[in-house]
């Protein structure tokens, strides 16, 4: 009789431990969600969205693939270009000041506004 009672108590203790594990898991999930929300809010404070419109003057970043071997003295940006068309996803079609259009669209991350 005592062995059955001990076995029932052991099973009950095991079930209590399993329930406690589930509670700890849910607490950890909630904590992670709160942490991610805080991190997103902190990141979004520093982000400044850049919008480009048709007719804006921009400078295009020279990508590392295209660089000459002049070292660190090579300029980081080239041009001044005019935005011919701006798409909602951030792609830009640029043209040179003389009206010649660039063959490929450029991502808006690779340009910055030029104030003349």
PDB file of N, CA and C in Angstrom:
ATOM      1  N   UNK A   1       0.813  -1.185   0.000  1.00  0.00           N
ATOM      2  CA  UNK A   1       0.000   0.000   0.000  1.00  0.00           C
ATOM      3  C   UNK A   1       0.864   1.259   0.000  1.00  0.00           C
ATOM      4  N   UNK A   2       1.934   1.228   0.784  1.00  0.00           N
ATOM      5  CA  UNK A   2       2.812   2.390   0.858  1.00  0.00           C
ATOM      6  C   UNK A   2       3.540   2.616  -0.461  1.00  0.00           C
ATOM      7  N   UNK A   3       3.884   1.573  -1.168  1.00  0.00           N
ATOM      8  CA  UNK A   3       4.579   1.729  -2.436  1.00  0.00           C
ATOM      9  C   UNK A   3       3.666   2.374  -3.468  1.00  0.00           C
ATOM     10  N   UNK A   4       2.375   2.031  -3.436  1.00  0.00           N
ATOM     11  CA  UNK A   4       1.431   2.664  -4.360  1.00  0.00           C
ATOM     12  C   UNK A   4       1.280   4.144  -4.034  1.00  0.00           C
ATOM     13  N   UNK A   5       1.234   4.458  -2.758  1.00  0.00           N
ATOM     14  CA  UNK A   5       1.111   5.846  -2.322  1.00  0.00           C
ATOM     15  C   UNK A   5       2.357   6.644  -2.715  1.00  0.00           C
ATOM     16  N   UNK A   6       3.528   6.047  -2.537  1.00  0.00           N
ATOM     17  CA  UNK A   6       4.768   6.709  -2.932  1.00  0.00           C
ATOM     18  C   UNK A   6       4.812   6.914  -4.446  1.00  0.00           C
ATOM     19  N   UNK A   7       4.332   5.914  -5.181  1.00  0.00           N
ATOM     20  CA  UNK A   7       4.316   6.011  -6.639  1.00  0.00           C
ATOM     21  C   UNK A   7       3.363   7.110  -7.098  1.00  0.00           C
ATOM     22  N   UNK A   8       2.208   7.230  -6.455  1.00  0.00           N
ATOM     23  CA  UNK A   8       1.243   8.278  -6.806  1.00  0.00           C
ATOM     24  C   UNK A   8       1.831   9.646  -6.491  1.00  0.00           C
ATOM     25  N   UNK A   9       2.499   9.769  -5.358  1.00  0.00           N
ATOM     26  CA  UNK A   9       3.128  11.036  -4.993  1.00  0.00           C
ATOM     27  C   UNK A   9       4.236  11.392  -5.978  1.00  0.00           C
ATOM     28  N   UNK A  10       4.996  10.376  -6.378  1.00  0.00           N
ATOM     29  CA  UNK A  10       6.081  10.617  -7.350  1.00  0.00           C
ATOM     30  C   UNK A  10       5.505  11.082  -8.679  1.00  0.00           C
ATOM     31  N   UNK A  11       4.417  10.454  -9.135  1.00  0.00           N
ATOM     32  CA  UNK A  11       3.779  10.842 -10.396  1.00  0.00           C
ATOM     33  C   UNK A  11       3.230  12.260 -10.276  1.00  0.00           C
ATOM     34  N   UNK A  12       2.614  12.578  -9.151  1.00  0.00           N
ATOM     35  CA  UNK A  12       2.071  13.924  -8.938  1.00  0.00           C
ATOM     36  C   UNK A  12       3.192  14.974  -8.935  1.00  0.00           C
ATOM     37  N   UNK A  13       4.302  14.649  -8.300  1.00  0.00           N
ATOM     38  CA  UNK A  13       5.441  15.575  -8.276  1.00  0.00           C
ATOM     39  C   UNK A  13       5.980  15.785  -9.682  1.00  0.00           C
ATOM     40  N   UNK A  14       6.018  14.713 -10.462  1.00  0.00           N
ATOM     41  CA  UNK A  14       6.497  14.814 -11.854  1.00  0.00           C
ATOM     42  C   UNK A  14       5.570  15.690 -12.690  1.00  0.00           C
ATOM     43  N   UNK A  15       4.253  15.524 -12.522  1.00  0.00           N
ATOM     44  CA  UNK A  15       3.285  16.356 -13.244  1.00  0.00           C
ATOM     45  C   UNK A  15       3.412  17.828 -12.846  1.00  0.00           C
ATOM     46  N   UNK A  16       3.644  18.065 -11.568  1.00  0.00           N
ATOM     47  CA  UNK A  16       3.844  19.448 -11.116  1.00  0.00           C
ATOM     48  C   UNK A  16       5.082  20.061 -11.755  1.00  0.00           C
ATOM     49  N   UNK A  17       6.151  19.278 -11.878  1.00  0.00           N
ATOM     50  CA  UNK A  17       7.369  19.766 -12.527  1.00  0.00           C
ATOM     51  C   UNK A  17       7.115  20.084 -14.001  1.00  0.00           C
ATOM     52  N   UNK A  18       6.363  19.214 -14.677  1.00  0.00           N
ATOM     53  CA  UNK A  18       6.049  19.452 -16.085  1.00  0.00           C
ATOM     54  C   UNK A  18       5.219  20.717 -16.263  1.00  0.00           C
ATOM     55  N   UNK A  19       4.258  20.939 -15.371  1.00  0.00           N
ATOM     56  CA  UNK A  19       3.458  22.165 -15.436  1.00  0.00           C
ATOM     57  C   UNK A  19       4.321  23.395 -15.191  1.00  0.00           C
ATOM     58  N   UNK A  20       5.268  23.278 -14.293  1.00  0.00           N
ATOM     59  CA  UNK A  20       6.170  24.389 -14.000  1.00  0.00           C
ATOM     60  C   UNK A  20       7.057  24.697 -15.213  1.00  0.00           C
ATOM     61  N   UNK A  21       7.490  23.654 -15.918  1.00  0.00           N
ATOM     62  CA  UNK A  21       8.295  23.852 -17.126  1.00  0.00           C
ATOM     63  C   UNK A  21       7.491  24.605 -18.174  1.00  0.00           C
ATOM     64  N   UNK A  22       6.222  24.233 -18.339  1.00  0.00           N
ATOM     65  CA  UNK A  22       5.360  24.917 -19.310  1.00  0.00           C
ATOM     66  C   UNK A  22       5.185  26.393 -18.943  1.00  0.00           C
ATOM     67  N   UNK A  23       5.013  26.690 -17.668  1.00  0.00           N
ATOM     68  CA  UNK A  23       4.888  28.084 -17.225  1.00  0.00           C
ATOM     69  C   UNK A  23       6.176  28.864 -17.496  1.00  0.00           C
ATOM     70  N   UNK A  24       7.308  28.238 -17.227  1.00  0.00           N
ATOM     71  CA  UNK A  24       8.586  28.905 -17.470  1.00  0.00           C
ATOM     72  C   UNK A  24       8.783  29.168 -18.960  1.00  0.00           C
ATOM     73  N   UNK A  25       8.366  28.210 -19.801  1.00  0.00           N
ATOM     74  CA  UNK A  25       8.489  28.389 -21.242  1.00  0.00           C
ATOM     75  C   UNK A  25       7.628  29.565 -21.705  1.00  0.00           C
ATOM     76  N   UNK A  26       6.397  29.653 -21.215  1.00  0.00           N
ATOM     77  CA  UNK A  26       5.524  30.760 -21.596  1.00  0.00           C
ATOM     78  C   UNK A  26       6.073  32.100 -21.110  1.00  0.00           C
ATOM     79  N   UNK A  27       6.648  32.099 -19.921  1.00  0.00           N
ATOM     80  CA  UNK A  27       7.266  33.323 -19.403  1.00  0.00           C
ATOM     81  C   UNK A  27       8.434  33.740 -20.284  1.00  0.00           C
ATOM     82  N   UNK A  28       9.236  32.773 -20.717  1.00  0.00           N
ATOM     83  CA  UNK A  28      10.376  33.079 -21.588  1.00  0.00           C
ATOM     84  C   UNK A  28       9.901  33.615 -22.940  1.00  0.00           C
ATOM     85  N   UNK A  29       8.828  33.058 -23.486  1.00  0.00           N
ATOM     86  CA  UNK A  29       8.290  33.535 -24.766  1.00  0.00           C
ATOM     87  C   UNK A  29       7.814  34.974 -24.632  1.00  0.00           C
ATOM     88  N   UNK A  30       7.104  35.283 -23.558  1.00  0.00           N
ATOM     89  CA  UNK A  30       6.635  36.660 -23.337  1.00  0.00           C
ATOM     90  C   UNK A  30       7.803  37.624 -23.169  1.00  0.00           C
ATOM     91  N   UNK A  31       8.827  37.196 -22.433  1.00  0.00           N
ATOM     92  CA  UNK A  31      10.000  38.043 -22.218  1.00  0.00           C
ATOM     93  C   UNK A  31      10.705  38.322 -23.542  1.00  0.00           C
ATOM     94  N   UNK A  32      10.822  37.292 -24.401  1.00  0.00           N
ATOM     95  CA  UNK A  32      11.467  37.474 -25.699  1.00  0.00           C
ATOM     96  C   UNK A  32      10.684  38.449 -26.568  1.00  0.00           C
ATOM     97  N   UNK A  33       9.362  38.344 -26.554  1.00  0.00           N
ATOM     98  CA  UNK A  33       8.544  39.257 -27.351  1.00  0.00           C
ATOM     99  C   UNK A  33       8.687  40.689 -26.873  1.00  0.00           C
ATOM    100  N   UNK A  34       8.703  40.895 -25.559  1.00  0.00           N
ATOM    101  CA  UNK A  34       8.894  42.250 -25.022  1.00  0.00           C
ATOM    102  C   UNK A  34      10.265  42.797 -25.392  1.00  0.00           C
ATOM    103  N   UNK A  35      11.295  41.950 -25.317  1.00  0.00           N
ATOM    104  CA  UNK A  35      12.654  42.370 -25.671  1.00  0.00           C
ATOM    105  C   UNK A  35      12.729  42.757 -27.140  1.00  0.00           C
ATOM    106  N   UNK A  36      12.128  41.948 -28.018  1.00  0.00           N
ATOM    107  CA  UNK A  36      12.161  42.256 -29.441  1.00  0.00           C
ATOM    108  C   UNK A  36      11.412  43.548 -29.733  1.00  0.00           C
ATOM    109  N   UNK A  37      10.308  43.782 -29.066  1.00  0.00           N
ATOM    110  CA  UNK A  37       9.556  45.022 -29.260  1.00  0.00           C
ATOM    111  C   UNK A  37      10.374  46.235 -28.822  1.00  0.00           C
ATOM    112  N   UNK A  38      11.086  46.093 -27.687  1.00  0.00           N
ATOM    113  CA  UNK A  38      11.942  47.192 -27.218  1.00  0.00           C
ATOM    114  C   UNK A  38      13.074  47.468 -28.196  1.00  0.00           C
ATOM    115  N   UNK A  39      13.698  46.415 -28.705  1.00  0.00           N
ATOM    116  CA  UNK A  39      14.796  46.582 -29.653  1.00  0.00           C
ATOM    117  C   UNK A  39      14.310  47.230 -30.950  1.00  0.00           C
ATOM    118  N   UNK A  40      13.143  46.840 -31.432  1.00  0.00           N
ATOM    119  CA  UNK A  40      12.591  47.420 -32.650  1.00  0.00           C
ATOM    120  C   UNK A  40      12.307  48.899 -32.451  1.00  0.00           C
ATOM    121  N   UNK A  41      11.739  49.253 -31.307  1.00  0.00           N
ATOM    122  CA  UNK A  41      11.441  50.652 -31.019  1.00  0.00           C
ATOM    123  C   UNK A  41      12.718  51.476 -30.966  1.00  0.00           C
ATOM    124  N   UNK A  42      13.771  50.939 -30.347  1.00  0.00           N
ATOM    125  CA  UNK A  42      15.045  51.659 -30.267  1.00  0.00           C
ATOM    126  C   UNK A  42      15.662  51.816 -31.648  1.00  0.00           C
ATOM    127  N   UNK A  43      15.564  50.781 -32.484  1.00  0.00           N
ATOM    128  CA  UNK A  43      16.120  50.859 -33.830  1.00  0.00           C
ATOM    129  C   UNK A  43      15.339  51.855 -34.681  1.00  0.00           C
ATOM    130  N   UNK A  44      14.020  51.811 -34.592  1.00  0.00           N
ATOM    131  CA  UNK A  44      13.181  52.684 -35.415  1.00  0.00           C
ATOM    132  C   UNK A  44      13.352  54.163 -35.069  1.00  0.00           C
ATOM    133  N   UNK A  45      13.788  54.466 -33.841  1.00  0.00           N
ATOM    134  CA  UNK A  45      14.034  55.860 -33.467  1.00  0.00           C
ATOM    135  C   UNK A  45      15.158  56.466 -34.302  1.00  0.00           C
ATOM    136  N   UNK A  46      16.156  55.627 -34.620  1.00  0.00           N
ATOM    137  CA  UNK A  46      17.341  56.133 -35.304  1.00  0.00           C
ATOM    138  C   UNK A  46      17.218  56.095 -36.824  1.00  0.00           C
ATOM    139  N   UNK A  47      16.266  55.353 -37.338  1.00  0.00           N
ATOM    140  CA  UNK A  47      16.125  55.212 -38.783  1.00  0.00           C
ATOM    141  C   UNK A  47      15.437  56.436 -39.354  1.00  0.00           C
ATOM    142  N   UNK A  48      16.039  57.006 -40.367  1.00  0.00           N
ATOM    143  CA  UNK A  48      15.434  58.134 -41.070  1.00  0.00           C
ATOM    144  C   UNK A  48      15.085  57.683 -42.479  1.00  0.00           C
ATOM    145  N   UNK A  49      13.803  57.572 -42.773  1.00  0.00           N
ATOM    146  CA  UNK A  49      13.446  57.141 -44.131  1.00  0.00           C
ATOM    147  C   UNK A  49      13.841  58.200 -45.154  1.00  0.00           C
ATOM    148  N   UNK A  50      14.372  57.736 -46.265  1.00  0.00           N
ATOM    149  CA  UNK A  50      14.780  58.652 -47.324  1.00  0.00           C
ATOM    150  C   UNK A  50      13.821  58.487 -48.495  1.00  0.00           C
ATOM    151  N   UNK A  51      13.267  59.574 -48.922  1.00  0.00           N
ATOM    152  CA  UNK A  51      12.361  59.548 -50.064  1.00  0.00           C
ATOM    153  C   UNK A  51      12.981  60.345 -51.193  1.00  0.00           C
ATOM    154  N   UNK A  52      12.926  59.771 -52.377  1.00  0.00           N
ATOM    155  CA  UNK A  52      13.429  60.444 -53.558  1.00  0.00           C
ATOM    156  C   UNK A  52      12.261  60.668 -54.511  1.00  0.00           C
ATOM    157  N   UNK A  53      12.246  61.824 -55.128  1.00  0.00           N
ATOM    158  CA  UNK A  53      11.193  62.184 -56.079  1.00  0.00           C
ATOM    159  C   UNK A  53      11.829  62.500 -57.423  1.00  0.00           C
ATOM    160  N   UNK A  54      11.015  62.474 -58.448  1.00  0.00           N
ATOM    161  CA  UNK A  54      11.506  62.784 -59.787  1.00  0.00           C
ATOM    162  C   UNK A  54      12.083  64.197 -59.797  1.00  0.00           C
ATOM    163  N   UNK A  55      13.264  64.324 -60.374  1.00  0.00           N
ATOM    164  CA  UNK A  55      13.916  65.619 -60.468  1.00  0.00           C
ATOM    165  C   UNK A  55      14.925  65.897 -59.373  1.00  0.00           C
ATOM    166  N   UNK A  56      14.998  65.036 -58.336  1.00  0.00           N
ATOM    167  CA  UNK A  56      15.983  65.234 -57.266  1.00  0.00           C
ATOM    168  C   UNK A  56      17.391  64.992 -57.802  1.00  0.00           C
ATOM    169  N   UNK A  57      18.341  65.780 -57.315  1.00  0.00           N
ATOM    170  CA  UNK A  57      19.748  65.554 -57.636  1.00  0.00           C
ATOM    171  C   UNK A  57      20.329  64.582 -56.618  1.00  0.00           C
ATOM    172  N   UNK A  58      21.067  63.580 -57.103  1.00  0.00           N
ATOM    173  CA  UNK A  58      21.650  62.581 -56.211  1.00  0.00           C
ATOM    174  C   UNK A  58      23.075  62.266 -56.626  1.00  0.00           C
ATOM    175  N   UNK A  59      23.832  61.725 -55.673  1.00  0.00           N
ATOM    176  CA  UNK A  59      25.151  61.178 -55.929  1.00  0.00           C
ATOM    177  C   UNK A  59      25.054  59.669 -55.766  1.00  0.00           C
ATOM    178  N   UNK A  60      25.714  58.921 -56.643  1.00  0.00           N
ATOM    179  CA  UNK A  60      25.661  57.459 -56.604  1.00  0.00           C
ATOM    180  C   UNK A  60      26.935  56.927 -55.977  1.00  0.00           C
ATOM    181  N   UNK A  61      26.790  55.993 -55.044  1.00  0.00           N
ATOM    182  CA  UNK A  61      27.940  55.396 -54.363  1.00  0.00           C
ATOM    183  C   UNK A  61      28.725  54.537 -55.344  1.00  0.00           C
ATOM    184  N   UNK A  62      30.036  54.637 -55.263  1.00  0.00           N
ATOM    185  CA  UNK A  62      30.900  53.788 -56.070  1.00  0.00           C
ATOM    186  C   UNK A  62      31.069  52.489 -55.302  1.00  0.00           C
ATOM    187  N   UNK A  63      30.594  51.396 -55.872  1.00  0.00           N
ATOM    188  CA  UNK A  63      30.653  50.109 -55.183  1.00  0.00           C
ATOM    189  C   UNK A  63      32.082  49.578 -55.166  1.00  0.00           C
ATOM    190  N   UNK A  64      32.447  48.793 -54.143  1.00  0.00           N
ATOM    191  CA  UNK A  64      33.833  48.310 -54.024  1.00  0.00           C
ATOM    192  C   UNK A  64      34.288  47.479 -55.217  1.00  0.00           C
ATOM    193  N   UNK A  65      33.377  46.842 -55.922  1.00  0.00           N
ATOM    194  CA  UNK A  65      33.742  46.007 -57.064  1.00  0.00           C
ATOM    195  C   UNK A  65      34.339  46.873 -58.170  1.00  0.00           C
ATOM    196  N   UNK A  66      33.849  48.099 -58.313  1.00  0.00           N
ATOM    197  CA  UNK A  66      34.238  48.968 -59.408  1.00  0.00           C
ATOM    198  C   UNK A  66      35.478  49.802 -59.103  1.00  0.00           C
ATOM    199  N   UNK A  67      35.985  49.716 -57.905  1.00  0.00           N
ATOM    200  CA  UNK A  67      37.062  50.612 -57.486  1.00  0.00           C
ATOM    201  C   UNK A  67      38.370  50.322 -58.203  1.00  0.00           C
ATOM    202  N   UNK A  68      39.106  51.404 -58.417  1.00  0.00           N
ATOM    203  CA  UNK A  68      40.467  51.277 -58.921  1.00  0.00           C
ATOM    204  C   UNK A  68      41.368  50.922 -57.741  1.00  0.00           C
ATOM    205  N   UNK A  69      42.612  50.682 -58.015  1.00  0.00           N
ATOM    206  CA  UNK A  69      43.543  50.367 -56.952  1.00  0.00           C
ATOM    207  C   UNK A  69      44.302  51.618 -56.522  1.00  0.00           C
ATOM    208  N   UNK A  70      43.568  52.697 -56.305  1.00  0.00           N
ATOM    209  CA  UNK A  70      44.198  53.943 -55.864  1.00  0.00           C
ATOM    210  C   UNK A  70      44.203  54.051 -54.350  1.00  0.00           C
ATOM    211  N   UNK A  71      43.639  53.070 -53.683  1.00  0.00           N
ATOM    212  CA  UNK A  71      43.651  53.093 -52.230  1.00  0.00           C
ATOM    213  C   UNK A  71      42.518  53.901 -51.652  1.00  0.00           C
ATOM    214  N   UNK A  72      42.765  54.468 -50.489  1.00  0.00           N
ATOM    215  CA  UNK A  72      41.696  55.152 -49.778  1.00  0.00           C
ATOM    216  C   UNK A  72      41.413  56.552 -50.307  1.00  0.00           C
ATOM    217  N   UNK A  73      42.183  57.031 -51.267  1.00  0.00           N
ATOM    218  CA  UNK A  73      42.001  58.395 -51.758  1.00  0.00           C
ATOM    219  C   UNK A  73      40.984  58.494 -52.890  1.00  0.00           C
ATOM    220  N   UNK A  74      40.428  57.380 -53.318  1.00  0.00           N
ATOM    221  CA  UNK A  74      39.427  57.398 -54.382  1.00  0.00           C
ATOM    222  C   UNK A  74      38.115  57.946 -53.804  1.00  0.00           C
ATOM    223  N   UNK A  75      37.353  58.726 -54.571  1.00  0.00           N
ATOM    224  CA  UNK A  75      36.085  59.253 -54.048  1.00  0.00           C
ATOM    225  C   UNK A  75      35.075  58.134 -53.778  1.00  0.00           C
ATOM    226  N   UNK A  76      34.193  58.369 -52.819  1.00  0.00           N
ATOM    227  CA  UNK A  76      33.181  57.371 -52.460  1.00  0.00           C
ATOM    228  C   UNK A  76      31.931  57.481 -53.327  1.00  0.00           C
ATOM    229  N   UNK A  77      31.663  58.664 -53.864  1.00  0.00           N
ATOM    230  CA  UNK A  77      30.459  58.883 -54.665  1.00  0.00           C
ATOM    231  C   UNK A  77      30.850  59.451 -56.023  1.00  0.00           C
ATOM    232  N   UNK A  78      29.996  59.225 -57.003  1.00  0.00           N
ATOM    233  CA  UNK A  78      30.226  59.756 -58.338  1.00  0.00           C
ATOM    234  C   UNK A  78      28.977  60.470 -58.811  1.00  0.00           C
ATOM    235  N   UNK A  79      29.171  61.324 -59.778  1.00  0.00           N
ATOM    236  CA  UNK A  79      28.030  61.915 -60.435  1.00  0.00           C
ATOM    237  C   UNK A  79      27.751  63.291 -59.937  1.00  0.00           C
ATOM    238  N   UNK A  80      26.829  63.849 -60.565  1.00  0.00           N
ATOM    239  CA  UNK A  80      25.542  64.141 -60.004  1.00  0.00           C
ATOM    240  C   UNK A  80      24.542  63.648 -61.032  1.00  0.00           C
ATOM    241  N   UNK A  81      23.547  62.967 -60.545  1.00  0.00           N
ATOM    242  CA  UNK A  81      22.514  62.371 -61.380  1.00  0.00           C
ATOM    243  C   UNK A  81      21.177  62.977 -61.020  1.00  0.00           C
ATOM    244  N   UNK A  82      20.238  62.832 -61.936  1.00  0.00           N
ATOM    245  CA  UNK A  82      18.865  63.288 -61.706  1.00  0.00           C
ATOM    246  C   UNK A  82      17.990  62.043 -61.631  1.00  0.00           C
ATOM    247  N   UNK A  83      17.084  62.010 -60.669  1.00  0.00           N
ATOM    248  CA  UNK A  83      16.156  60.889 -60.550  1.00  0.00           C
ATOM    249  C   UNK A  83      15.118  61.029 -61.653  1.00  0.00           C
ATOM    250  N   UNK A  84      15.100  60.053 -62.557  1.00  0.00           N
ATOM    251  CA  UNK A  84      14.118  60.065 -63.637  1.00  0.00           C
ATOM    252  C   UNK A  84      12.802  59.465 -63.156  1.00  0.00           C
ATOM    253  N   UNK A  85      12.897  58.342 -62.405  1.00  0.00           N
ATOM    254  CA  UNK A  85      11.702  57.702 -61.879  1.00  0.00           C
ATOM    255  C   UNK A  85      12.054  57.027 -60.573  1.00  0.00           C
ATOM    256  N   UNK A  86      11.175  57.155 -59.574  1.00  0.00           N
ATOM    257  CA  UNK A  86      11.367  56.529 -58.271  1.00  0.00           C
ATOM    258  C   UNK A  86      10.238  55.522 -58.046  1.00  0.00           C
ATOM    259  N   UNK A  87      10.603  54.281 -57.764  1.00  0.00           N
ATOM    260  CA  UNK A  87       9.617  53.233 -57.509  1.00  0.00           C
ATOM    261  C   UNK A  87       9.375  53.095 -56.018  1.00  0.00           C
ATOM    262  N   UNK A  88       8.248  52.485 -55.655  1.00  0.00           N
ATOM    263  CA  UNK A  88       7.875  52.382 -54.244  1.00  0.00           C
ATOM    264  C   UNK A  88       8.797  51.452 -53.460  1.00  0.00           C
ATOM    265  N   UNK A  89       9.416  50.469 -54.103  1.00  0.00           N
ATOM    266  CA  UNK A  89      10.294  49.539 -53.397  1.00  0.00           C
ATOM    267  C   UNK A  89      11.662  50.094 -53.097  1.00  0.00           C
ATOM    268  N   UNK A  90      11.985  51.281 -53.589  1.00  0.00           N
ATOM    269  CA  UNK A  90      13.276  51.895 -53.322  1.00  0.00           C
ATOM    270  C   UNK A  90      14.194  51.907 -54.527  1.00  0.00           C
ATOM    271  N   UNK A  91      13.753  51.364 -55.656  1.00  0.00           N
ATOM    272  CA  UNK A  91      14.584  51.386 -56.856  1.00  0.00           C
ATOM    273  C   UNK A  91      14.438  52.741 -57.542  1.00  0.00           C
ATOM    274  N   UNK A  92      15.543  53.201 -58.124  1.00  0.00           N
ATOM    275  CA  UNK A  92      15.554  54.491 -58.813  1.00  0.00           C
ATOM    276  C   UNK A  92      16.112  54.308 -60.216  1.00  0.00           C
ATOM    277  N   UNK A  93      15.519  54.989 -61.157  1.00  0.00           N
ATOM    278  CA  UNK A  93      16.105  55.075 -62.490  1.00  0.00           C
ATOM    279  C   UNK A  93      16.729  56.454 -62.579  1.00  0.00           C
ATOM    280  N   UNK A  94      18.037  56.469 -62.841  1.00  0.00           N
ATOM    281  CA  UNK A  94      18.791  57.719 -62.848  1.00  0.00           C
ATOM    282  C   UNK A  94      19.183  58.091 -64.273  1.00  0.00           C
ATOM    283  N   UNK A  95      19.356  59.388 -64.474  1.00  0.00           N
ATOM    284  CA  UNK A  95      19.917  59.865 -65.738  1.00  0.00           C
ATOM    285  C   UNK A  95      20.990  60.890 -65.418  1.00  0.00           C
ATOM    286  N   UNK A  96      21.946  60.988 -66.321  1.00  0.00           N
ATOM    287  CA  UNK A  96      23.024  61.961 -66.138  1.00  0.00           C
ATOM    288  C   UNK A  96      22.478  63.356 -66.407  1.00  0.00           C
ATOM    289  N   UNK A  97      23.259  64.341 -66.109  1.00  0.00           N
ATOM    290  CA  UNK A  97      22.827  65.724 -66.304  1.00  0.00           C
ATOM    291  C   UNK A  97      22.607  66.049 -67.783  1.00  0.00           C
ATOM    292  N   UNK A  98      23.298  65.327 -68.661  1.00  0.00           N
ATOM    293  CA  UNK A  98      23.130  65.582 -70.099  1.00  0.00           C
ATOM    294  C   UNK A  98      21.913  64.842 -70.674  1.00  0.00           C
ATOM    295  N   UNK A  99      21.195  64.055 -69.849  1.00  0.00           N
ATOM    296  CA  UNK A  99      19.983  63.381 -70.296  1.00  0.00           C
ATOM    297  C   UNK A  99      20.159  61.904 -70.586  1.00  0.00           C
ATOM    298  N   UNK A 100      21.390  61.401 -70.571  1.00  0.00           N
ATOM    299  CA  UNK A 100      21.642  59.987 -70.850  1.00  0.00           C
ATOM    300  C   UNK A 100      21.217  59.155 -69.646  1.00  0.00           C
ATOM    301  N   UNK A 101      20.366  58.166 -69.887  1.00  0.00           N
ATOM    302  CA  UNK A 101      19.835  57.331 -68.809  1.00  0.00           C
ATOM    303  C   UNK A 101      20.797  56.195 -68.492  1.00  0.00           C
ATOM    304  N   UNK A 102      20.949  55.878 -67.207  1.00  0.00           N
ATOM    305  CA  UNK A 102      21.773  54.736 -66.805  1.00  0.00           C
ATOM    306  C   UNK A 102      21.056  53.448 -67.196  1.00  0.00           C
ATOM    307  N   UNK A 103      21.819  52.418 -67.612  1.00  0.00           N
ATOM    308  CA  UNK A 103      21.177  51.207 -68.130  1.00  0.00           C
ATOM    309  C   UNK A 103      20.428  50.386 -67.077  1.00  0.00           C
ATOM    310  N   UNK A 104      20.879  50.416 -65.822  1.00  0.00           N
ATOM    311  CA  UNK A 104      20.258  49.599 -64.779  1.00  0.00           C
ATOM    312  C   UNK A 104      19.680  50.474 -63.677  1.00  0.00           C
ATOM    313  N   UNK A 105      18.578  50.038 -63.052  1.00  0.00           N
ATOM    314  CA  UNK A 105      18.068  50.782 -61.894  1.00  0.00           C
ATOM    315  C   UNK A 105      19.034  50.669 -60.714  1.00  0.00           C
ATOM    316  N   UNK A 106      18.954  51.620 -59.812  1.00  0.00           N
ATOM    317  CA  UNK A 106      19.855  51.690 -58.667  1.00  0.00           C
ATOM    318  C   UNK A 106      19.010  51.646 -57.402  1.00  0.00           C
ATOM    319  N   UNK A 107      19.497  50.931 -56.401  1.00  0.00           N
ATOM    320  CA  UNK A 107      18.811  50.872 -55.115  1.00  0.00           C
ATOM    321  C   UNK A 107      18.982  52.208 -54.398  1.00  0.00           C
ATOM    322  N   UNK A 108      17.944  52.640 -53.682  1.00  0.00           N
ATOM    323  CA  UNK A 108      18.023  53.940 -53.011  1.00  0.00           C
ATOM    324  C   UNK A 108      19.032  53.944 -51.864  1.00  0.00           C
ATOM    325  N   UNK A 109      19.465  52.756 -51.410  1.00  0.00           N
ATOM    326  CA  UNK A 109      20.510  52.700 -50.375  1.00  0.00           C
ATOM    327  C   UNK A 109      21.864  53.135 -50.925  1.00  0.00           C
ATOM    328  N   UNK A 110      22.033  53.073 -52.233  1.00  0.00           N
ATOM    329  CA  UNK A 110      23.333  53.375 -52.851  1.00  0.00           C
ATOM    330  C   UNK A 110      23.431  54.803 -53.339  1.00  0.00           C
ATOM    331  N   UNK A 111      22.463  55.650 -52.988  1.00  0.00           N
ATOM    332  CA  UNK A 111      22.519  57.059 -53.422  1.00  0.00           C
ATOM    333  C   UNK A 111      22.252  57.956 -52.223  1.00  0.00           C
ATOM    334  N   UNK A 112      22.689  59.196 -52.361  1.00  0.00           N
ATOM    335  CA  UNK A 112      22.344  60.199 -51.346  1.00  0.00           C
ATOM    336  C   UNK A 112      22.023  61.497 -52.078  1.00  0.00           C
ATOM    337  N   UNK A 113      21.213  62.322 -51.433  1.00  0.00           N
ATOM    338  CA  UNK A 113      20.801  63.580 -52.072  1.00  0.00           C
ATOM    339  C   UNK A 113      21.999  64.500 -52.217  1.00  0.00           C
ATOM    340  N   UNK A 114      21.967  65.236 -53.317  1.00  0.00           N
ATOM    341  CA  UNK A 114      23.025  66.186 -53.627  1.00  0.00           C
ATOM    342  C   UNK A 114      22.397  67.565 -53.618  1.00  0.00           C
ATOM    343  N   UNK A 115      22.925  68.435 -52.783  1.00  0.00           N
ATOM    344  CA  UNK A 115      22.402  69.802 -52.679  1.00  0.00           C
ATOM    345  C   UNK A 115      23.378  70.746 -53.363  1.00  0.00           C
ATOM    346  N   UNK A 116      22.902  71.370 -54.438  1.00  0.00           N
ATOM    347  CA  UNK A 116      23.776  72.265 -55.177  1.00  0.00           C
ATOM    348  C   UNK A 116      23.325  73.710 -55.018  1.00  0.00           C
TER     349      UNK A 116
END
